[in-house]
Amino acid sequence: MWVVKIGGSLSHDRALRSWLTELCEMGGGRVVIVPGGGDFADKVRQYQAEWGFNDLAAHNMCLLAMTQYALLMQGLLPDLVLASSEAKVRRALRDGRVAIWVPTALMRDTSDAMSNWDTTSDSLAAWLSSMLNAERLMVVKSCPIEIGASVASLAADGVVDARFASYVNDANYLVEFFNKDDIALMRERLLNVPTAWGGADRAGDTA
């Protein structure tokens, strides 16, 4: 099973439909998509700055932001299956489908380690990968990704959130980063065809 996190920065990009189509056609039965928050989550930041409510409320609102992005994705490709629990994810995969994770089960009544701005959809994708015992976590971003960049450097540059490294440091799955234009590379991964320039080169160092 592979978890593919698609950044919210693609929510206004034509590449989004291409990624979803590729994953739907090539990833049936083995791919779970995690939506980012995108400008849905940016609105939460705006409202929190305006009204001053706490991070717990912001956390729950951001999960709903991810849910809106999931609904957008499924609206673009109705064959994708919305799945709000591990059981629903696994059922979709057993049916040979591609699941989109809807993270509403992580809404909280009291604050915990996840309910802060250091933990965004990147870290939630890593958390889900561990929970599902995934083989790979693939993170798709709109920004350029330096080949061989470490997770620590990506976090320092704001490409991933501050808590991401702590989720993946001891992970049993491969972590790999993709630019939005790397669709052909993703296709090669799904087909298990080695790339000409070395498959793991774009994978982030999880140390």
N, C-alpha and C. Protein backbone atom coordinates (compact mmCIF):
# COMPACT_ATOMS: atom_id res chain seq x y z
N MET A 1 0.84 -1.20 0.00
CA MET A 1 0.00 0.00 0.00
C MET A 1 0.88 1.25 0.00
N TRP A 2 0.53 2.21 -0.83
CA TRP A 2 1.25 3.48 -0.92
C TRP A 2 0.33 4.62 -0.53
N VAL A 3 0.83 5.52 0.29
CA VAL A 3 0.11 6.74 0.65
C VAL A 3 0.70 7.87 -0.20
N VAL A 4 -0.18 8.60 -0.89
CA VAL A 4 0.25 9.72 -1.74
C VAL A 4 -0.40 10.99 -1.20
N LYS A 5 0.42 11.87 -0.66
CA LYS A 5 -0.09 13.14 -0.13
C LYS A 5 0.01 14.20 -1.22
N ILE A 6 -1.11 14.76 -1.62
CA ILE A 6 -1.14 15.79 -2.66
C ILE A 6 -1.35 17.14 -2.01
N GLY A 7 -0.35 18.00 -2.16
CA GLY A 7 -0.37 19.28 -1.48
C GLY A 7 -1.53 20.17 -1.89
N GLY A 8 -1.97 20.97 -0.95
CA GLY A 8 -3.05 21.90 -1.24
C GLY A 8 -2.67 22.95 -2.26
N SER A 9 -1.36 23.13 -2.47
CA SER A 9 -0.91 24.11 -3.46
C SER A 9 -1.29 23.71 -4.88
N LEU A 10 -1.69 22.46 -5.08
CA LEU A 10 -2.14 22.02 -6.41
C LEU A 10 -3.63 22.25 -6.63
N SER A 11 -4.32 22.79 -5.64
CA SER A 11 -5.77 22.87 -5.73
C SER A 11 -6.26 23.82 -6.82
N HIS A 12 -5.39 24.71 -7.31
CA HIS A 12 -5.74 25.60 -8.42
C HIS A 12 -4.89 25.31 -9.65
N ASP A 13 -4.25 24.16 -9.67
CA ASP A 13 -3.30 23.83 -10.73
C ASP A 13 -3.88 22.72 -11.61
N ARG A 14 -3.73 22.87 -12.93
CA ARG A 14 -4.24 21.86 -13.86
C ARG A 14 -3.57 20.51 -13.64
N ALA A 15 -2.39 20.53 -13.01
CA ALA A 15 -1.69 19.27 -12.75
C ALA A 15 -2.49 18.37 -11.80
N LEU A 16 -3.36 18.95 -10.99
CA LEU A 16 -4.12 18.14 -10.03
C LEU A 16 -4.92 17.06 -10.75
N ARG A 17 -5.65 17.43 -11.78
CA ARG A 17 -6.46 16.44 -12.50
C ARG A 17 -5.58 15.34 -13.09
N SER A 18 -4.41 15.73 -13.59
CA SER A 18 -3.50 14.74 -14.18
C SER A 18 -3.00 13.76 -13.12
N TRP A 19 -2.65 14.28 -11.95
CA TRP A 19 -2.20 13.39 -10.87
C TRP A 19 -3.32 12.43 -10.46
N LEU A 20 -4.51 12.96 -10.26
CA LEU A 20 -5.62 12.12 -9.82
C LEU A 20 -5.95 11.06 -10.88
N THR A 21 -5.93 11.45 -12.14
CA THR A 21 -6.22 10.50 -13.21
C THR A 21 -5.18 9.40 -13.25
N GLU A 22 -3.92 9.78 -13.14
CA GLU A 22 -2.84 8.79 -13.16
C GLU A 22 -2.95 7.82 -11.99
N LEU A 23 -3.19 8.37 -10.81
CA LEU A 23 -3.31 7.51 -9.63
C LEU A 23 -4.52 6.60 -9.72
N CYS A 24 -5.62 7.14 -10.24
CA CYS A 24 -6.84 6.34 -10.36
C CYS A 24 -6.65 5.21 -11.35
N GLU A 25 -5.96 5.50 -12.46
CA GLU A 25 -5.78 4.49 -13.50
C GLU A 25 -4.72 3.46 -13.14
N MET A 26 -3.68 3.89 -12.43
CA MET A 26 -2.54 3.02 -12.18
C MET A 26 -2.47 2.47 -10.75
N GLY A 27 -3.19 3.10 -9.82
CA GLY A 27 -3.00 2.77 -8.42
C GLY A 27 -4.14 2.02 -7.77
N GLY A 28 -5.08 1.51 -8.54
CA GLY A 28 -6.23 0.81 -7.96
C GLY A 28 -5.80 -0.34 -7.07
N GLY A 29 -6.33 -0.37 -5.88
CA GLY A 29 -6.04 -1.46 -4.95
C GLY A 29 -4.81 -1.26 -4.09
N ARG A 30 -4.06 -0.16 -4.34
CA ARG A 30 -2.84 0.02 -3.54
C ARG A 30 -2.52 1.45 -3.18
N VAL A 31 -3.31 2.43 -3.62
CA VAL A 31 -3.00 3.83 -3.34
C VAL A 31 -4.07 4.47 -2.47
N VAL A 32 -3.60 5.20 -1.45
CA VAL A 32 -4.47 6.02 -0.60
C VAL A 32 -3.99 7.46 -0.75
N ILE A 33 -4.86 8.34 -1.16
CA ILE A 33 -4.52 9.75 -1.32
C ILE A 33 -4.86 10.51 -0.05
N VAL A 34 -3.90 11.36 0.38
CA VAL A 34 -4.14 12.27 1.50
C VAL A 34 -4.19 13.69 0.94
N PRO A 35 -5.30 14.39 1.13
CA PRO A 35 -5.40 15.77 0.63
C PRO A 35 -4.70 16.74 1.58
N GLY A 36 -4.10 17.77 1.00
CA GLY A 36 -3.60 18.86 1.83
C GLY A 36 -4.74 19.75 2.30
N GLY A 37 -4.38 20.89 2.83
CA GLY A 37 -5.40 21.83 3.29
C GLY A 37 -5.61 22.98 2.32
N GLY A 38 -4.51 23.37 1.64
CA GLY A 38 -4.60 24.42 0.64
C GLY A 38 -5.15 25.72 1.18
N ASP A 39 -5.82 26.46 0.30
CA ASP A 39 -6.34 27.74 0.75
C ASP A 39 -7.57 27.58 1.64
N PHE A 40 -8.13 26.36 1.69
CA PHE A 40 -9.16 26.10 2.70
C PHE A 40 -8.56 26.28 4.10
N ALA A 41 -7.34 25.72 4.30
CA ALA A 41 -6.66 25.87 5.59
C ALA A 41 -6.13 27.29 5.78
N ASP A 42 -5.73 27.93 4.68
CA ASP A 42 -5.26 29.32 4.80
C ASP A 42 -6.36 30.21 5.36
N LYS A 43 -7.60 29.91 5.01
CA LYS A 43 -8.73 30.68 5.56
C LYS A 43 -8.85 30.49 7.08
N VAL A 44 -8.52 29.27 7.54
CA VAL A 44 -8.55 29.03 8.98
C VAL A 44 -7.52 29.93 9.68
N ARG A 45 -6.32 30.00 9.12
CA ARG A 45 -5.30 30.89 9.68
C ARG A 45 -5.80 32.34 9.72
N GLN A 46 -6.45 32.75 8.65
CA GLN A 46 -6.97 34.11 8.57
C GLN A 46 -8.01 34.38 9.66
N TYR A 47 -8.94 33.43 9.82
CA TYR A 47 -9.98 33.62 10.84
C TYR A 47 -9.40 33.55 12.24
N GLN A 48 -8.42 32.69 12.46
CA GLN A 48 -7.81 32.61 13.79
C GLN A 48 -7.10 33.92 14.14
N ALA A 49 -6.40 34.50 13.15
CA ALA A 49 -5.74 35.78 13.38
C ALA A 49 -6.76 36.88 13.67
N GLU A 50 -7.92 36.79 13.01
CA GLU A 50 -8.95 37.82 13.19
C GLU A 50 -9.67 37.69 14.52
N TRP A 51 -9.97 36.44 14.92
CA TRP A 51 -10.82 36.23 16.07
C TRP A 51 -10.09 35.69 17.31
N GLY A 52 -8.89 35.16 17.12
CA GLY A 52 -8.09 34.75 18.26
C GLY A 52 -8.54 33.47 18.94
N PHE A 53 -9.27 32.60 18.23
CA PHE A 53 -9.66 31.33 18.86
C PHE A 53 -8.45 30.42 18.96
N ASN A 54 -8.58 29.35 19.77
CA ASN A 54 -7.42 28.53 20.10
C ASN A 54 -7.05 27.54 19.00
N ASP A 55 -5.89 26.90 19.20
CA ASP A 55 -5.38 25.98 18.18
C ASP A 55 -6.22 24.71 18.07
N LEU A 56 -6.92 24.34 19.13
CA LEU A 56 -7.79 23.16 19.04
C LEU A 56 -8.89 23.40 18.01
N ALA A 57 -9.54 24.56 18.10
CA ALA A 57 -10.57 24.89 17.11
C ALA A 57 -9.96 24.96 15.71
N ALA A 58 -8.77 25.56 15.61
CA ALA A 58 -8.11 25.66 14.30
C ALA A 58 -7.78 24.27 13.74
N HIS A 59 -7.33 23.36 14.62
CA HIS A 59 -7.02 21.99 14.19
C HIS A 59 -8.26 21.32 13.59
N ASN A 60 -9.37 21.40 14.31
CA ASN A 60 -10.59 20.77 13.82
C ASN A 60 -11.07 21.40 12.51
N MET A 61 -10.93 22.70 12.42
CA MET A 61 -11.32 23.39 11.18
C MET A 61 -10.41 22.98 10.02
N CYS A 62 -9.12 22.77 10.30
CA CYS A 62 -8.19 22.36 9.24
C CYS A 62 -8.48 20.94 8.76
N LEU A 63 -8.94 20.08 9.65
CA LEU A 63 -9.36 18.75 9.21
C LEU A 63 -10.54 18.85 8.26
N LEU A 64 -11.42 19.79 8.54
CA LEU A 64 -12.55 20.02 7.62
C LEU A 64 -12.06 20.65 6.32
N ALA A 65 -10.99 21.46 6.40
CA ALA A 65 -10.38 22.01 5.19
C ALA A 65 -9.85 20.89 4.30
N MET A 66 -9.15 19.92 4.92
CA MET A 66 -8.67 18.77 4.16
C MET A 66 -9.84 17.99 3.56
N THR A 67 -10.92 17.90 4.31
CA THR A 67 -12.11 17.20 3.83
C THR A 67 -12.69 17.89 2.60
N GLN A 68 -12.70 19.22 2.61
CA GLN A 68 -13.19 19.95 1.43
C GLN A 68 -12.33 19.65 0.21
N TYR A 69 -11.03 19.59 0.40
CA TYR A 69 -10.13 19.27 -0.71
C TYR A 69 -10.38 17.84 -1.19
N ALA A 70 -10.62 16.93 -0.24
CA ALA A 70 -10.95 15.55 -0.62
C ALA A 70 -12.22 15.51 -1.46
N LEU A 71 -13.21 16.28 -1.06
CA LEU A 71 -14.47 16.32 -1.83
C LEU A 71 -14.25 16.92 -3.21
N LEU A 72 -13.37 17.93 -3.30
CA LEU A 72 -13.02 18.51 -4.59
C LEU A 72 -12.42 17.44 -5.50
N MET A 73 -11.47 16.67 -4.93
CA MET A 73 -10.82 15.61 -5.71
C MET A 73 -11.82 14.57 -6.20
N GLN A 74 -12.68 14.14 -5.30
CA GLN A 74 -13.66 13.12 -5.67
C GLN A 74 -14.68 13.69 -6.65
N GLY A 75 -14.94 14.99 -6.56
CA GLY A 75 -15.81 15.63 -7.54
C GLY A 75 -15.20 15.64 -8.93
N LEU A 76 -13.87 15.77 -9.00
CA LEU A 76 -13.19 15.73 -10.29
C LEU A 76 -13.17 14.32 -10.87
N LEU A 77 -12.97 13.33 -10.00
CA LEU A 77 -12.91 11.93 -10.44
C LEU A 77 -13.80 11.09 -9.52
N PRO A 78 -15.05 10.90 -9.87
CA PRO A 78 -15.99 10.19 -9.00
C PRO A 78 -15.61 8.74 -8.70
N ASP A 79 -14.70 8.15 -9.47
CA ASP A 79 -14.27 6.79 -9.18
C ASP A 79 -13.42 6.70 -7.92
N LEU A 80 -12.88 7.82 -7.47
CA LEU A 80 -12.14 7.83 -6.21
C LEU A 80 -13.12 7.63 -5.06
N VAL A 81 -12.67 6.92 -4.02
CA VAL A 81 -13.55 6.56 -2.91
C VAL A 81 -13.17 7.35 -1.66
N LEU A 82 -14.10 8.11 -1.13
CA LEU A 82 -13.87 8.82 0.13
C LEU A 82 -13.89 7.81 1.27
N ALA A 83 -12.89 7.89 2.15
CA ALA A 83 -12.78 6.91 3.23
C ALA A 83 -12.34 7.61 4.51
N SER A 84 -13.19 7.57 5.52
CA SER A 84 -12.94 8.29 6.77
C SER A 84 -12.40 7.41 7.89
N SER A 85 -12.17 6.13 7.61
CA SER A 85 -11.65 5.21 8.64
C SER A 85 -10.73 4.20 7.99
N GLU A 86 -9.93 3.53 8.82
CA GLU A 86 -9.04 2.49 8.30
C GLU A 86 -9.85 1.40 7.62
N ALA A 87 -10.97 1.01 8.21
CA ALA A 87 -11.80 -0.05 7.63
C ALA A 87 -12.28 0.34 6.24
N LYS A 88 -12.70 1.60 6.08
CA LYS A 88 -13.20 2.06 4.77
C LYS A 88 -12.06 2.16 3.76
N VAL A 89 -10.88 2.57 4.21
CA VAL A 89 -9.72 2.61 3.32
C VAL A 89 -9.43 1.21 2.80
N ARG A 90 -9.36 0.25 3.71
CA ARG A 90 -8.99 -1.11 3.32
C ARG A 90 -10.09 -1.75 2.45
N ARG A 91 -11.33 -1.40 2.69
CA ARG A 91 -12.41 -1.92 1.87
C ARG A 91 -12.29 -1.40 0.44
N ALA A 92 -11.98 -0.11 0.30
CA ALA A 92 -11.82 0.46 -1.03
C ALA A 92 -10.67 -0.22 -1.77
N LEU A 93 -9.58 -0.47 -1.07
CA LEU A 93 -8.43 -1.11 -1.71
C LEU A 93 -8.76 -2.55 -2.09
N ARG A 94 -9.47 -3.25 -1.23
CA ARG A 94 -9.87 -4.63 -1.56
C ARG A 94 -10.74 -4.66 -2.81
N ASP A 95 -11.51 -3.60 -3.01
CA ASP A 95 -12.37 -3.51 -4.19
C ASP A 95 -11.60 -3.05 -5.43
N GLY A 96 -10.29 -2.88 -5.30
CA GLY A 96 -9.49 -2.46 -6.43
C GLY A 96 -9.58 -0.98 -6.75
N ARG A 97 -10.00 -0.18 -5.78
CA ARG A 97 -10.20 1.26 -5.99
C ARG A 97 -9.06 2.05 -5.34
N VAL A 98 -9.05 3.34 -5.59
CA VAL A 98 -8.14 4.28 -4.93
C VAL A 98 -8.95 5.06 -3.91
N ALA A 99 -8.45 5.11 -2.68
CA ALA A 99 -9.15 5.80 -1.60
C ALA A 99 -8.60 7.20 -1.41
N ILE A 100 -9.48 8.12 -1.03
CA ILE A 100 -9.06 9.45 -0.55
C ILE A 100 -9.40 9.51 0.94
N TRP A 101 -8.39 9.71 1.75
CA TRP A 101 -8.60 9.75 3.20
C TRP A 101 -9.31 11.04 3.60
N VAL A 102 -10.38 10.88 4.36
CA VAL A 102 -11.11 12.01 4.95
C VAL A 102 -10.81 11.98 6.46
N PRO A 103 -10.07 12.96 7.00
CA PRO A 103 -9.50 12.83 8.35
C PRO A 103 -10.40 13.28 9.49
N THR A 104 -11.71 13.26 9.31
CA THR A 104 -12.61 13.80 10.33
C THR A 104 -12.55 13.02 11.65
N ALA A 105 -12.08 11.76 11.61
CA ALA A 105 -11.98 10.99 12.85
C ALA A 105 -10.92 11.56 13.79
N LEU A 106 -10.05 12.42 13.29
CA LEU A 106 -9.01 13.03 14.12
C LEU A 106 -9.47 14.32 14.78
N MET A 107 -10.72 14.70 14.59
CA MET A 107 -11.24 15.87 15.31
C MET A 107 -11.24 15.58 16.80
N ARG A 108 -10.88 16.57 17.59
CA ARG A 108 -10.66 16.39 19.03
C ARG A 108 -11.55 17.30 19.86
N ASP A 109 -11.87 16.82 21.10
CA ASP A 109 -12.56 17.65 22.08
C ASP A 109 -11.58 18.38 22.99
N THR A 110 -10.39 17.80 23.15
CA THR A 110 -9.34 18.41 23.95
C THR A 110 -8.04 18.39 23.15
N SER A 111 -7.15 19.28 23.49
CA SER A 111 -5.89 19.41 22.74
C SER A 111 -5.01 18.18 22.95
N ASP A 112 -4.26 17.83 21.90
CA ASP A 112 -3.25 16.78 22.00
C ASP A 112 -2.07 17.19 21.14
N ALA A 113 -1.14 16.26 20.92
CA ALA A 113 0.09 16.58 20.20
C ALA A 113 -0.16 17.00 18.75
N MET A 114 -1.31 16.63 18.21
CA MET A 114 -1.59 16.97 16.81
C MET A 114 -2.26 18.32 16.64
N SER A 115 -2.85 18.84 17.69
CA SER A 115 -3.71 20.02 17.53
C SER A 115 -2.92 21.32 17.66
N ASN A 116 -2.02 21.53 16.69
CA ASN A 116 -1.23 22.75 16.63
C ASN A 116 -0.76 22.95 15.19
N TRP A 117 -0.21 24.12 14.91
CA TRP A 117 0.18 24.44 13.54
C TRP A 117 1.50 23.79 13.12
N ASP A 118 2.21 23.17 14.09
CA ASP A 118 3.42 22.43 13.73
C ASP A 118 3.08 21.10 13.07
N THR A 119 1.84 20.66 13.22
CA THR A 119 1.39 19.40 12.64
C THR A 119 0.34 19.69 11.58
N THR A 120 0.75 19.58 10.32
CA THR A 120 -0.17 19.86 9.22
C THR A 120 -0.47 18.56 8.49
N SER A 121 -1.06 18.69 7.32
CA SER A 121 -1.43 17.51 6.55
C SER A 121 -0.23 16.65 6.17
N ASP A 122 0.97 17.23 6.10
CA ASP A 122 2.17 16.43 5.84
C ASP A 122 2.38 15.40 6.95
N SER A 123 2.36 15.89 8.18
CA SER A 123 2.54 14.97 9.32
C SER A 123 1.38 14.00 9.46
N LEU A 124 0.18 14.46 9.15
CA LEU A 124 -0.97 13.55 9.22
C LEU A 124 -0.84 12.44 8.18
N ALA A 125 -0.27 12.75 7.02
CA ALA A 125 -0.03 11.71 6.02
C ALA A 125 0.99 10.70 6.53
N ALA A 126 2.02 11.19 7.23
CA ALA A 126 3.01 10.29 7.81
C ALA A 126 2.38 9.43 8.90
N TRP A 127 1.54 10.05 9.72
CA TRP A 127 0.83 9.30 10.77
C TRP A 127 -0.03 8.20 10.16
N LEU A 128 -0.76 8.55 9.10
CA LEU A 128 -1.62 7.56 8.44
C LEU A 128 -0.79 6.44 7.83
N SER A 129 0.36 6.77 7.26
CA SER A 129 1.22 5.76 6.67
C SER A 129 1.65 4.72 7.71
N SER A 130 1.96 5.20 8.91
CA SER A 130 2.33 4.27 9.98
C SER A 130 1.14 3.43 10.41
N MET A 131 -0.03 4.07 10.54
CA MET A 131 -1.21 3.35 10.99
C MET A 131 -1.60 2.25 10.00
N LEU A 132 -1.44 2.55 8.70
CA LEU A 132 -1.83 1.58 7.67
C LEU A 132 -0.71 0.60 7.33
N ASN A 133 0.47 0.80 7.96
CA ASN A 133 1.64 -0.04 7.65
C ASN A 133 1.97 0.04 6.16
N ALA A 134 2.00 1.26 5.64
CA ALA A 134 2.25 1.49 4.22
C ALA A 134 3.69 1.15 3.86
N GLU A 135 3.91 0.88 2.58
CA GLU A 135 5.26 0.64 2.07
C GLU A 135 5.96 1.94 1.70
N ARG A 136 5.19 2.92 1.21
CA ARG A 136 5.75 4.19 0.77
C ARG A 136 4.84 5.34 1.17
N LEU A 137 5.48 6.48 1.43
CA LEU A 137 4.77 7.74 1.53
C LEU A 137 5.35 8.66 0.47
N MET A 138 4.50 9.08 -0.47
CA MET A 138 4.92 9.96 -1.55
C MET A 138 4.26 11.31 -1.35
N VAL A 139 5.06 12.35 -1.26
CA VAL A 139 4.56 13.69 -0.97
C VAL A 139 4.73 14.55 -2.21
N VAL A 140 3.61 15.03 -2.75
CA VAL A 140 3.61 15.81 -3.99
C VAL A 140 3.45 17.29 -3.65
N LYS A 141 4.42 18.09 -4.12
CA LYS A 141 4.43 19.53 -3.85
C LYS A 141 4.48 20.31 -5.16
N SER A 142 4.04 21.55 -5.13
CA SER A 142 4.12 22.39 -6.33
C SER A 142 5.48 23.06 -6.45
N CYS A 143 6.20 23.16 -5.35
CA CYS A 143 7.51 23.82 -5.38
C CYS A 143 8.59 22.86 -5.87
N PRO A 144 9.71 23.39 -6.37
CA PRO A 144 10.82 22.52 -6.76
C PRO A 144 11.34 21.73 -5.56
N ILE A 145 11.73 20.48 -5.80
CA ILE A 145 12.28 19.63 -4.75
C ILE A 145 13.72 19.30 -5.12
N GLU A 146 14.64 19.69 -4.27
CA GLU A 146 16.05 19.40 -4.53
C GLU A 146 16.30 17.91 -4.41
N ILE A 147 16.92 17.34 -5.42
CA ILE A 147 17.22 15.92 -5.41
C ILE A 147 18.13 15.59 -4.23
N GLY A 148 17.75 14.60 -3.44
CA GLY A 148 18.54 14.17 -2.30
C GLY A 148 18.39 15.03 -1.06
N ALA A 149 17.49 16.02 -1.09
CA ALA A 149 17.31 16.90 0.07
C ALA A 149 16.83 16.09 1.27
N SER A 150 17.36 16.40 2.44
CA SER A 150 16.96 15.71 3.66
C SER A 150 15.63 16.25 4.16
N VAL A 151 14.95 15.45 4.95
CA VAL A 151 13.70 15.91 5.56
C VAL A 151 13.96 17.13 6.44
N ALA A 152 15.08 17.13 7.15
CA ALA A 152 15.41 18.26 8.02
C ALA A 152 15.54 19.55 7.22
N SER A 153 16.20 19.48 6.07
CA SER A 153 16.36 20.69 5.26
C SER A 153 15.03 21.12 4.65
N LEU A 154 14.20 20.15 4.26
CA LEU A 154 12.89 20.49 3.71
C LEU A 154 12.02 21.15 4.77
N ALA A 155 12.12 20.68 6.01
CA ALA A 155 11.37 21.30 7.10
C ALA A 155 11.89 22.72 7.36
N ALA A 156 13.21 22.88 7.34
CA ALA A 156 13.80 24.21 7.57
C ALA A 156 13.37 25.20 6.50
N ASP A 157 13.17 24.70 5.28
CA ASP A 157 12.75 25.57 4.17
C ASP A 157 11.24 25.73 4.10
N GLY A 158 10.51 25.09 5.01
CA GLY A 158 9.06 25.22 5.02
C GLY A 158 8.34 24.38 4.00
N VAL A 159 9.05 23.43 3.37
CA VAL A 159 8.42 22.55 2.39
C VAL A 159 7.50 21.56 3.08
N VAL A 160 7.93 21.05 4.25
CA VAL A 160 7.08 20.21 5.10
C VAL A 160 7.01 20.86 6.47
N ASP A 161 6.08 20.39 7.29
CA ASP A 161 5.89 21.04 8.58
C ASP A 161 6.96 20.63 9.59
N ALA A 162 6.97 21.33 10.72
CA ALA A 162 8.02 21.17 11.72
C ALA A 162 8.02 19.81 12.39
N ARG A 163 6.87 19.14 12.42
CA ARG A 163 6.78 17.84 13.11
C ARG A 163 7.00 16.65 12.18
N PHE A 164 7.07 16.89 10.88
CA PHE A 164 7.13 15.80 9.92
C PHE A 164 8.29 14.85 10.19
N ALA A 165 9.47 15.40 10.46
CA ALA A 165 10.65 14.56 10.68
C ALA A 165 10.45 13.61 11.84
N SER A 166 9.79 14.08 12.90
CA SER A 166 9.59 13.21 14.07
C SER A 166 8.67 12.05 13.76
N TYR A 167 7.79 12.21 12.77
CA TYR A 167 6.90 11.12 12.38
C TYR A 167 7.59 10.10 11.48
N VAL A 168 8.56 10.54 10.69
CA VAL A 168 9.14 9.63 9.70
C VAL A 168 10.54 9.13 10.05
N ASN A 169 11.16 9.67 11.10
CA ASN A 169 12.54 9.29 11.42
C ASN A 169 12.71 7.78 11.59
N ASP A 170 11.79 7.15 12.28
CA ASP A 170 11.89 5.71 12.54
C ASP A 170 10.85 4.92 11.74
N ALA A 171 10.39 5.49 10.65
CA ALA A 171 9.33 4.85 9.88
C ALA A 171 9.86 3.62 9.15
N ASN A 172 8.96 2.66 8.95
CA ASN A 172 9.30 1.45 8.21
C ASN A 172 8.95 1.57 6.73
N TYR A 173 8.57 2.75 6.30
CA TYR A 173 8.21 2.97 4.90
C TYR A 173 9.18 3.97 4.27
N LEU A 174 9.28 3.92 2.95
CA LEU A 174 10.10 4.85 2.19
C LEU A 174 9.36 6.18 2.06
N VAL A 175 10.08 7.27 2.27
CA VAL A 175 9.52 8.61 2.09
C VAL A 175 10.13 9.21 0.83
N GLU A 176 9.28 9.70 -0.07
CA GLU A 176 9.77 10.24 -1.33
C GLU A 176 8.99 11.51 -1.66
N PHE A 177 9.70 12.50 -2.21
CA PHE A 177 9.08 13.79 -2.55
C PHE A 177 9.04 13.97 -4.06
N PHE A 178 7.94 14.56 -4.52
CA PHE A 178 7.73 14.79 -5.94
C PHE A 178 7.32 16.23 -6.17
N ASN A 179 7.82 16.80 -7.25
CA ASN A 179 7.30 18.06 -7.75
C ASN A 179 6.05 17.76 -8.56
N LYS A 180 5.20 18.75 -8.74
CA LYS A 180 3.94 18.55 -9.47
C LYS A 180 4.16 18.09 -10.91
N ASP A 181 5.35 18.35 -11.46
CA ASP A 181 5.64 17.96 -12.84
C ASP A 181 6.22 16.56 -12.96
N ASP A 182 6.34 15.85 -11.83
CA ASP A 182 6.96 14.52 -11.82
C ASP A 182 5.96 13.39 -12.05
N ILE A 183 4.95 13.64 -12.85
CA ILE A 183 3.92 12.62 -13.06
C ILE A 183 4.51 11.37 -13.72
N ALA A 184 5.41 11.57 -14.67
CA ALA A 184 6.03 10.42 -15.34
C ALA A 184 6.83 9.59 -14.35
N LEU A 185 7.47 10.25 -13.41
CA LEU A 185 8.23 9.53 -12.38
C LEU A 185 7.30 8.71 -11.50
N MET A 186 6.17 9.30 -11.13
CA MET A 186 5.18 8.55 -10.36
C MET A 186 4.68 7.34 -11.14
N ARG A 187 4.43 7.52 -12.43
CA ARG A 187 3.96 6.41 -13.25
C ARG A 187 5.00 5.28 -13.24
N GLU A 188 6.26 5.63 -13.34
CA GLU A 188 7.31 4.62 -13.31
C GLU A 188 7.33 3.89 -11.97
N ARG A 189 7.10 4.63 -10.89
CA ARG A 189 7.04 3.98 -9.58
C ARG A 189 5.89 2.97 -9.54
N LEU A 190 4.74 3.40 -10.03
CA LEU A 190 3.57 2.53 -10.00
C LEU A 190 3.75 1.29 -10.88
N LEU A 191 4.52 1.45 -11.94
CA LEU A 191 4.80 0.33 -12.83
C LEU A 191 6.02 -0.47 -12.39
N ASN A 192 6.68 -0.01 -11.30
CA ASN A 192 7.89 -0.66 -10.80
C ASN A 192 9.00 -0.69 -11.85
N VAL A 193 9.07 0.37 -12.66
CA VAL A 193 10.12 0.50 -13.65
C VAL A 193 11.18 1.45 -13.13
N PRO A 194 12.44 1.04 -13.02
CA PRO A 194 13.49 1.95 -12.52
C PRO A 194 13.64 3.16 -13.42
N THR A 195 13.92 4.29 -12.83
CA THR A 195 14.17 5.49 -13.62
C THR A 195 15.60 5.50 -14.10
N ALA A 196 15.84 6.26 -15.18
CA ALA A 196 17.17 6.29 -15.76
C ALA A 196 18.19 6.94 -14.84
N TRP A 197 17.69 7.86 -13.97
CA TRP A 197 18.64 8.58 -13.14
C TRP A 197 18.67 8.11 -11.70
N GLY A 198 18.09 6.90 -11.46
CA GLY A 198 18.22 6.32 -10.12
C GLY A 198 17.02 6.61 -9.27
N GLY A 199 16.26 5.57 -8.94
CA GLY A 199 14.97 5.74 -8.32
C GLY A 199 14.95 6.47 -7.01
N ALA A 200 15.94 6.25 -6.14
CA ALA A 200 15.84 6.80 -4.78
C ALA A 200 16.41 8.21 -4.69
N ASP A 201 16.95 8.76 -5.77
CA ASP A 201 17.64 10.03 -5.68
C ASP A 201 16.75 11.15 -5.18
N ARG A 202 15.46 11.12 -5.53
CA ARG A 202 14.57 12.19 -5.10
C ARG A 202 13.95 11.87 -3.75
N ALA A 203 14.22 10.72 -3.21
CA ALA A 203 13.68 10.38 -1.90
C ALA A 203 14.40 11.19 -0.83
N GLY A 204 13.62 11.71 0.10
CA GLY A 204 14.22 12.47 1.18
C GLY A 204 14.90 11.55 2.18
N ASP A 205 16.02 12.00 2.68
CA ASP A 205 16.71 11.31 3.76
C ASP A 205 15.87 11.47 5.02
N THR A 206 15.49 10.37 5.65
CA THR A 206 14.61 10.45 6.81
C THR A 206 15.38 10.63 8.09
N ALA A 207 16.66 10.89 8.02
CA ALA A 207 17.42 11.12 9.25
C ALA A 207 17.26 12.56 9.72
